[in-house]
Amino acid sequence: MRKMARNLLIGFALVGLLGAPLPAAAVAYEDSFSNCNYPKTFDLMVMRPISFSTLLIGTALFVPFGTLALLTVPEDVGSVYNTMIAAPAAFTFDRRLGECQALKVAL
C-alpha cells in the first residue's frame, strides 16, 4: 500500500512538473500576420488535406444550409456560399505552398 501511494505521489509530481506552463516569447500583433507561413511539408501533408476535407464537408452541408438561407434570408446566400465553399476552396487551391492566408473571396 505504501509503495502504491509513493508511486502515485511521484506520478502526480511528474505530471505537475511536466504540465507546468513555460514562459513563451510574445509576438506583437503587428508582426503576427505579416510573416505568416507554414513549413512547406507541413502545409502539403497536413494543412491541405484538412482544408480539402473542410471543403468537402462544407459542400455537403451547403445543400441544406443554402436552401435554408435561401428560404429565410435570400440576400445572405452569397455569404453562406463564401463561408462554406469559396473560402475553403481558396485556402486549399488558391494560395502558394506554405502561405497561411488565402486571397479574399468576395461575392
Protein backbone atom coordinates (compact mmCIF):
# COMPACT_ATOMS: atom_id res chain seq x y z
CA MET A 1 0.00 0.00 0.00
CA ARG A 2 2.85 2.34 0.86
CA LYS A 3 4.58 1.61 -2.47
CA MET A 4 1.38 2.37 -4.43
CA ALA A 5 0.91 5.68 -2.57
CA ARG A 6 4.54 6.62 -3.23
CA ASN A 7 4.23 5.81 -6.95
CA LEU A 8 1.00 7.77 -7.14
CA LEU A 9 2.65 10.77 -5.47
CA ILE A 10 5.63 10.56 -7.83
CA GLY A 11 3.26 10.34 -10.80
CA PHE A 12 1.35 13.44 -9.68
CA ALA A 13 4.63 15.29 -9.14
CA LEU A 14 5.81 14.40 -12.65
CA VAL A 15 2.52 15.43 -14.22
CA GLY A 16 2.67 18.69 -12.27
CA LEU A 17 6.22 19.43 -13.36
CA LEU A 18 5.72 18.46 -16.99
CA GLY A 19 2.35 20.16 -17.23
CA ALA A 20 3.52 23.44 -15.74
CA PRO A 21 3.34 26.37 -18.15
CA LEU A 22 6.62 27.51 -19.56
CA PRO A 23 7.49 31.08 -20.48
CA ALA A 24 6.78 31.90 -24.11
CA ALA A 25 8.04 34.68 -26.33
CA ALA A 26 5.24 37.06 -27.17
CA VAL A 27 4.60 38.08 -30.75
CA ALA A 28 3.41 41.60 -31.36
CA TYR A 29 0.04 41.93 -33.07
CA GLU A 30 1.59 43.85 -35.96
CA ASP A 31 4.01 41.01 -36.67
CA SER A 32 1.58 38.15 -36.31
CA PHE A 33 0.06 38.38 -39.80
CA SER A 34 2.83 39.96 -41.84
CA ASN A 35 5.14 36.95 -41.88
CA CYS A 36 2.55 34.20 -41.69
CA ASN A 37 3.76 30.98 -43.26
CA TYR A 38 3.90 27.25 -42.62
CA PRO A 39 6.74 24.88 -43.37
CA LYS A 40 6.04 23.61 -46.87
CA THR A 41 5.99 19.94 -45.93
CA PHE A 42 3.57 20.63 -43.05
CA ASP A 43 1.35 22.57 -45.43
CA LEU A 44 1.40 19.80 -48.05
CA MET A 45 0.96 16.86 -45.69
CA VAL A 46 -1.35 18.32 -43.00
CA MET A 47 -3.00 21.63 -43.86
CA ARG A 48 -4.01 20.91 -47.46
CA PRO A 49 -5.78 17.61 -46.64
CA ILE A 50 -7.55 19.22 -43.68
CA SER A 51 -8.67 22.17 -45.78
CA PHE A 52 -9.77 19.85 -48.60
CA SER A 53 -11.87 17.81 -46.17
CA THR A 54 -13.32 21.08 -44.86
CA LEU A 55 -14.23 21.96 -48.44
CA LEU A 56 -15.96 18.60 -48.93
CA ILE A 57 -17.90 18.88 -45.67
CA GLY A 58 -18.86 22.49 -46.45
CA THR A 59 -20.06 21.49 -49.89
CA ALA A 60 -22.19 18.70 -48.45
CA LEU A 61 -23.64 20.99 -45.77
CA PHE A 62 -24.25 23.83 -48.22
CA VAL A 63 -27.20 21.99 -49.73
CA PRO A 64 -29.38 22.09 -46.58
CA PHE A 65 -27.98 25.34 -45.16
CA GLY A 66 -28.03 27.11 -48.51
CA THR A 67 -31.63 26.08 -49.03
CA LEU A 68 -32.50 27.27 -45.53
CA ALA A 69 -30.72 30.58 -46.14
CA LEU A 70 -32.46 30.93 -49.50
CA LEU A 71 -35.84 30.47 -47.85
CA THR A 72 -35.24 32.74 -44.87
CA VAL A 73 -32.78 35.45 -45.96
CA PRO A 74 -32.20 35.26 -49.73
CA GLU A 75 -29.69 38.11 -49.82
CA ASP A 76 -27.30 36.21 -47.50
CA VAL A 77 -26.91 33.11 -49.67
CA GLY A 78 -23.69 34.59 -51.03
CA SER A 79 -22.15 34.87 -47.57
CA VAL A 80 -23.17 31.29 -46.76
CA TYR A 81 -21.57 30.15 -50.03
CA ASN A 82 -18.46 32.20 -49.28
CA THR A 83 -18.10 30.74 -45.79
CA MET A 84 -18.81 27.12 -46.64
CA ILE A 85 -17.36 26.66 -50.12
CA ALA A 86 -15.41 29.61 -51.53
CA ALA A 87 -13.14 30.33 -48.54
CA PRO A 88 -12.08 26.68 -48.01
CA ALA A 89 -11.56 26.29 -51.77
CA ALA A 90 -9.41 29.41 -51.87
CA PHE A 91 -7.40 28.22 -48.86
CA THR A 92 -6.92 24.80 -50.45
CA PHE A 93 -6.18 25.69 -54.06
CA ASP A 94 -5.50 29.44 -54.50
CA ARG A 95 -2.54 30.01 -52.22
CA ARG A 96 1.11 29.24 -52.61
CA LEU A 97 2.61 26.34 -50.71
CA GLY A 98 3.44 27.45 -47.18
CA GLU A 99 1.36 30.62 -47.02
CA CYS A 100 -1.16 31.00 -44.20
CA GLN A 101 -3.80 33.15 -45.74
CA ALA A 102 -5.72 32.72 -48.93
CA LEU A 103 -6.78 35.58 -51.11
CA LYS A 104 -10.01 37.21 -50.03
CA VAL A 105 -13.01 35.88 -51.91
CA ALA A 106 -15.69 38.49 -52.44
CA LEU A 107 -19.11 37.76 -53.84
